[in-house]
């Protein structure tokens, strides 16, 4: 056989093998069953909440002063704030400065309002008082009132540890509700819930008991002491869960 004839036979054999390989791959692909299980999902949203009695109180109190001289305002604030600190120290509560301002009143608005004789400067020294026992909130209010301080607002709230426990309870209740919803939907569609594919959870609301002023919310007891009624504090959590489902 000549060299050219031998080369033609080798080329022909190679083309035949390649054609067989292509046919074989095409047959294997056509026989594979389609898998659409990834499209079988159910997504639901659910909300869980938990409540508990507050175990902490935040009281905002302040002293104010007005005068035609800023130095006089500063001196008055220093004296009144010192008296307030002493009263709070006697109660053994923790406190810190929340705001300190001395501002000059604008001349033009004073004249337009007809109070041109009002002092030119006004100052404020506000404190944030943390009370570990909400039942002692009234004592803080009384101590502030005794030294002429103002009570701006009262928050009956939760400590960090208690808030975490309440949040966990709310999440568990939200997830239980989500599973229940998904199971009901799956049953109606002749499906069965398998596993959770994705979970999106976020704390949607934390609601402490808030009082804007002590005068509006505090009740005097028989001995003249102030008492504040404490309602429950609530934490709400919302989850969005996607579940895998099978037929």
Protein backbone atom coordinates (compact mmCIF):
# COMPACT_ATOMS: atom_id res chain seq x y z
CA UNK A 1 0.00 0.00 0.00
CA UNK A 2 1.34 3.44 -0.93
CA UNK A 3 2.09 6.07 1.65
CA UNK A 4 -0.77 8.32 0.46
CA UNK A 5 -3.28 5.46 0.61
CA UNK A 6 -2.22 4.56 4.18
CA UNK A 7 -2.66 8.20 5.29
CA UNK A 8 -6.18 8.30 3.83
CA UNK A 9 -7.18 5.16 5.78
CA UNK A 10 -5.91 6.62 9.09
CA UNK A 11 -7.79 9.90 8.56
CA UNK A 12 -11.02 8.05 7.73
CA UNK A 13 -10.74 5.85 10.84
CA UNK A 14 -10.18 8.93 13.04
CA UNK A 15 -13.33 10.64 11.68
CA UNK A 16 -15.41 7.51 12.34
CA UNK A 17 -14.25 7.32 16.00
CA UNK A 18 -15.00 11.03 16.51
CA UNK A 19 -18.51 10.62 15.08
CA UNK A 20 -19.22 7.68 17.39
CA UNK A 21 -18.09 9.75 20.40
CA UNK A 22 -20.43 12.62 19.49
CA UNK A 23 -23.38 10.25 19.08
CA UNK A 24 -22.62 8.58 22.39
CA UNK A 25 -22.56 11.89 24.27
CA UNK A 26 -25.82 12.97 22.69
CA UNK A 27 -27.54 9.76 23.73
CA UNK A 28 -26.37 10.07 27.35
CA UNK A 29 -27.67 13.65 27.62
CA UNK A 30 -31.11 12.82 26.22
CA UNK A 31 -31.62 9.89 28.62
CA UNK A 32 -30.92 12.01 31.83
CA UNK A 33 -34.16 12.88 33.68
CA UNK A 34 -34.93 16.58 34.29
CA UNK A 35 -34.62 17.64 37.92
CA UNK A 36 -36.92 20.53 38.86
CA UNK A 37 -36.89 19.96 42.63
CA UNK A 38 -35.01 23.24 43.14
CA UNK A 39 -38.12 25.13 42.08
CA UNK A 40 -40.24 23.56 44.82
CA UNK A 41 -39.99 26.13 47.58
CA UNK A 42 -42.45 27.85 49.89
CA UNK A 43 -41.73 31.28 51.38
CA UNK A 44 -43.62 32.66 54.39
CA UNK A 45 -43.35 35.59 56.81
CA UNK A 46 -44.15 35.28 60.50
CA UNK A 47 -43.98 37.43 63.62
CA UNK A 48 -43.32 36.36 67.19
CA UNK A 49 -43.54 38.48 70.32
CA UNK A 50 -42.68 38.10 73.99
CA UNK A 51 -43.45 40.27 77.00
CA UNK A 52 -42.04 40.64 80.49
CA UNK A 53 -42.17 43.02 83.42
CA UNK A 54 -39.42 45.68 83.26
CA UNK A 55 -36.35 45.15 85.40
CA UNK A 56 -34.71 48.52 84.76
CA UNK A 57 -35.75 52.19 84.58
CA UNK A 58 -34.16 55.18 82.87
CA UNK A 59 -35.15 58.56 84.31
CA UNK A 60 -34.23 61.85 82.60
CA UNK A 61 -34.00 64.76 85.06
CA UNK A 62 -32.63 68.26 84.56
CA UNK A 63 -31.96 71.59 86.22
CA UNK A 64 -32.43 74.87 84.35
CA UNK A 65 -31.43 78.49 84.89
CA UNK A 66 -32.05 81.84 83.19
CA UNK A 67 -30.23 85.17 83.55
CA UNK A 68 -28.96 88.14 81.55
CA UNK A 69 -25.39 86.99 82.05
CA UNK A 70 -23.99 83.63 80.94
CA UNK A 71 -21.71 83.44 83.96
CA UNK A 72 -24.72 83.75 86.26
CA UNK A 73 -26.47 80.94 84.40
CA UNK A 74 -23.38 78.76 84.67
CA UNK A 75 -23.08 79.43 88.39
CA UNK A 76 -26.74 78.64 89.01
CA UNK A 77 -26.54 75.41 87.03
CA UNK A 78 -23.46 74.34 88.96
CA UNK A 79 -25.17 74.90 92.30
CA UNK A 80 -28.45 73.21 91.35
CA UNK A 81 -26.70 70.28 89.65
CA UNK A 82 -24.59 69.78 92.78
CA UNK A 83 -27.74 69.55 94.90
CA UNK A 84 -29.24 67.04 92.45
CA UNK A 85 -26.09 64.92 92.47
CA UNK A 86 -26.11 64.80 96.26
CA UNK A 87 -29.74 63.66 96.29
CA UNK A 88 -29.04 60.93 93.73
CA UNK A 89 -25.92 59.80 95.57
CA UNK A 90 -27.99 59.28 98.70
CA UNK A 91 -30.22 56.91 96.72
CA UNK A 92 -27.19 54.97 95.44
CA UNK A 93 -28.28 55.12 91.78
CA UNK A 94 -26.06 55.45 88.72
CA UNK A 95 -26.27 58.64 86.64
CA UNK A 96 -24.41 60.56 83.97
CA UNK A 97 -24.70 63.90 82.17
CA UNK A 98 -26.95 63.58 79.11
CA UNK A 99 -26.92 67.22 77.99
CA UNK A 100 -25.40 70.57 79.04
CA UNK A 101 -26.28 73.77 77.20
CA UNK A 102 -26.16 77.54 77.72
CA UNK A 103 -27.81 79.50 74.92
CA UNK A 104 -28.42 83.14 74.21
CA UNK A 105 -31.97 84.03 73.23
CA UNK A 106 -32.20 85.73 69.79
CA UNK A 107 -33.17 89.43 70.12
CA UNK A 108 -35.54 89.62 67.16
CA UNK A 109 -37.80 86.66 68.04
CA UNK A 110 -38.00 87.93 71.65
CA UNK A 111 -39.27 91.29 70.48
CA UNK A 112 -41.74 89.74 68.06
CA UNK A 113 -43.12 87.48 70.80
CA UNK A 114 -43.47 90.40 73.18
CA UNK A 115 -41.05 88.97 75.75
CA UNK A 116 -38.17 91.36 75.27
CA UNK A 117 -37.78 91.52 79.06
CA UNK A 118 -37.05 87.78 79.29
CA UNK A 119 -33.52 86.85 80.46
CA UNK A 120 -30.99 86.82 77.63
CA UNK A 121 -29.47 83.45 78.52
CA UNK A 122 -30.96 80.07 79.38
CA UNK A 123 -29.06 76.98 80.46
CA UNK A 124 -29.86 73.32 81.10
CA UNK A 125 -27.98 70.45 82.72
CA UNK A 126 -29.74 67.14 82.10
CA UNK A 127 -28.90 63.79 83.72
CA UNK A 128 -29.79 60.24 82.75
CA UNK A 129 -30.41 58.11 85.84
CA UNK A 130 -30.35 54.30 85.64
CA UNK A 131 -32.40 52.45 88.25
CA UNK A 132 -31.90 48.69 88.64
CA UNK A 133 -35.19 48.29 90.50
CA UNK A 134 -38.18 49.89 88.72
CA UNK A 135 -39.96 50.08 92.09
CA UNK A 136 -37.39 52.70 93.11
CA UNK A 137 -38.32 55.00 90.21
CA UNK A 138 -40.67 57.02 92.40
CA UNK A 139 -37.86 57.72 94.87
CA UNK A 140 -35.75 59.21 92.07
CA UNK A 141 -38.64 61.41 90.98
CA UNK A 142 -39.20 62.61 94.55
CA UNK A 143 -35.49 63.32 95.08
CA UNK A 144 -35.37 65.39 91.90
CA UNK A 145 -38.51 67.33 92.84
CA UNK A 146 -37.15 68.05 96.34
CA UNK A 147 -34.18 69.96 94.92
CA UNK A 148 -36.23 71.78 92.28
CA UNK A 149 -35.19 69.64 89.30
CA UNK A 150 -37.50 68.78 86.43
CA UNK A 151 -38.38 65.21 85.40
CA UNK A 152 -38.34 65.08 81.60
CA UNK A 153 -39.33 61.45 80.99
CA UNK A 154 -39.26 57.95 82.44
CA UNK A 155 -38.56 54.72 80.55
CA UNK A 156 -39.37 51.41 82.19
CA UNK A 157 -37.27 48.99 80.21
CA UNK A 158 -35.22 45.78 80.27
CA UNK A 159 -31.62 45.07 81.12
CA UNK A 160 -29.45 43.75 78.28
CA UNK A 161 -29.58 40.17 79.62
CA UNK A 162 -33.36 40.21 80.03
CA UNK A 163 -33.87 41.74 76.61
CA UNK A 164 -31.76 39.00 75.02
CA UNK A 165 -33.87 36.30 76.69
CA UNK A 166 -37.05 37.98 75.49
CA UNK A 167 -35.68 38.31 71.97
CA UNK A 168 -34.82 34.61 71.85
CA UNK A 169 -38.37 33.71 72.93
CA UNK A 170 -39.81 35.97 70.22
CA UNK A 171 -37.59 34.37 67.54
CA UNK A 172 -38.61 30.85 68.56
CA UNK A 173 -42.29 31.78 68.39
CA UNK A 174 -41.83 33.41 64.98
CA UNK A 175 -40.06 30.33 63.58
CA UNK A 176 -42.73 28.01 64.99
CA UNK A 177 -45.43 30.08 63.30
CA UNK A 178 -43.48 30.14 60.03
CA UNK A 179 -43.17 26.34 60.00
CA UNK A 180 -46.88 25.98 60.71
CA UNK A 181 -47.80 28.31 57.87
CA UNK A 182 -45.49 26.55 55.41
CA UNK A 183 -46.82 23.11 56.36
CA UNK A 184 -50.41 24.23 55.80
CA UNK A 185 -49.54 25.67 52.39
CA UNK A 186 -47.59 22.54 51.42
CA UNK A 187 -50.45 20.25 52.42
CA UNK A 188 -52.87 22.22 50.26
CA UNK A 189 -50.47 21.83 47.32
CA UNK A 190 -49.84 18.09 47.93
CA UNK A 191 -46.26 18.79 48.96
CA UNK A 192 -44.16 18.02 52.03
CA UNK A 193 -41.87 20.51 53.79
CA UNK A 194 -38.27 19.23 54.03
CA UNK A 195 -35.67 21.79 55.16
CA UNK A 196 -35.34 25.54 55.51
CA UNK A 197 -33.40 26.95 52.57
CA UNK A 198 -33.02 30.56 53.76
CA UNK A 199 -33.97 32.54 56.86
CA UNK A 200 -34.07 36.32 57.11
CA UNK A 201 -34.68 37.54 60.68
CA UNK A 202 -34.68 41.06 62.07
CA UNK A 203 -35.83 42.68 65.30
CA UNK A 204 -38.77 44.77 64.16
CA UNK A 205 -39.83 46.40 67.39
CA UNK A 206 -38.76 46.90 70.99
CA UNK A 207 -41.33 48.72 73.06
CA UNK A 208 -40.42 49.97 76.54
CA UNK A 209 -42.99 51.64 78.78
CA UNK A 210 -42.46 55.37 78.26
CA UNK A 211 -43.71 58.27 80.35
CA UNK A 212 -43.11 61.76 78.99
CA UNK A 213 -43.40 63.54 82.33
CA UNK A 214 -43.63 62.32 85.88
CA UNK A 215 -46.54 64.68 86.56
CA UNK A 216 -48.65 62.95 83.95
CA UNK A 217 -47.93 59.41 85.11
CA UNK A 218 -46.87 59.36 88.74
CA UNK A 219 -49.45 58.74 91.49
CA UNK A 220 -48.91 59.88 95.03
CA UNK A 221 -49.32 57.25 97.72
CA UNK A 222 -50.76 57.76 101.15
CA UNK A 223 -47.40 58.91 102.53
CA UNK A 224 -46.91 61.45 99.74
CA UNK A 225 -44.31 59.31 97.94
CA UNK A 226 -44.50 58.95 94.18
CA UNK A 227 -45.25 55.55 92.64
CA UNK A 228 -45.17 54.68 88.94
CA UNK A 229 -47.23 51.83 87.52
CA UNK A 230 -45.15 49.53 85.33
CA UNK A 231 -46.69 47.77 82.34
CA UNK A 232 -45.06 44.93 80.43
CA UNK A 233 -42.22 45.55 77.99
CA UNK A 234 -42.53 43.78 74.64
CA UNK A 235 -40.08 42.57 71.99
CA UNK A 236 -41.33 41.64 68.51
CA UNK A 237 -39.37 39.72 65.88
CA UNK A 238 -40.24 39.13 62.23
CA UNK A 239 -38.79 36.30 60.12
CA UNK A 240 -39.02 35.45 56.43
CA UNK A 241 -38.29 31.78 55.75
CA UNK A 242 -38.01 29.85 52.49
CA UNK A 243 -38.54 26.10 52.82
CA UNK A 244 -37.68 23.33 50.38
CA UNK A 245 -40.60 21.06 49.54
CA UNK A 246 -40.98 17.69 47.87
CA UNK A 247 -43.90 15.97 46.16
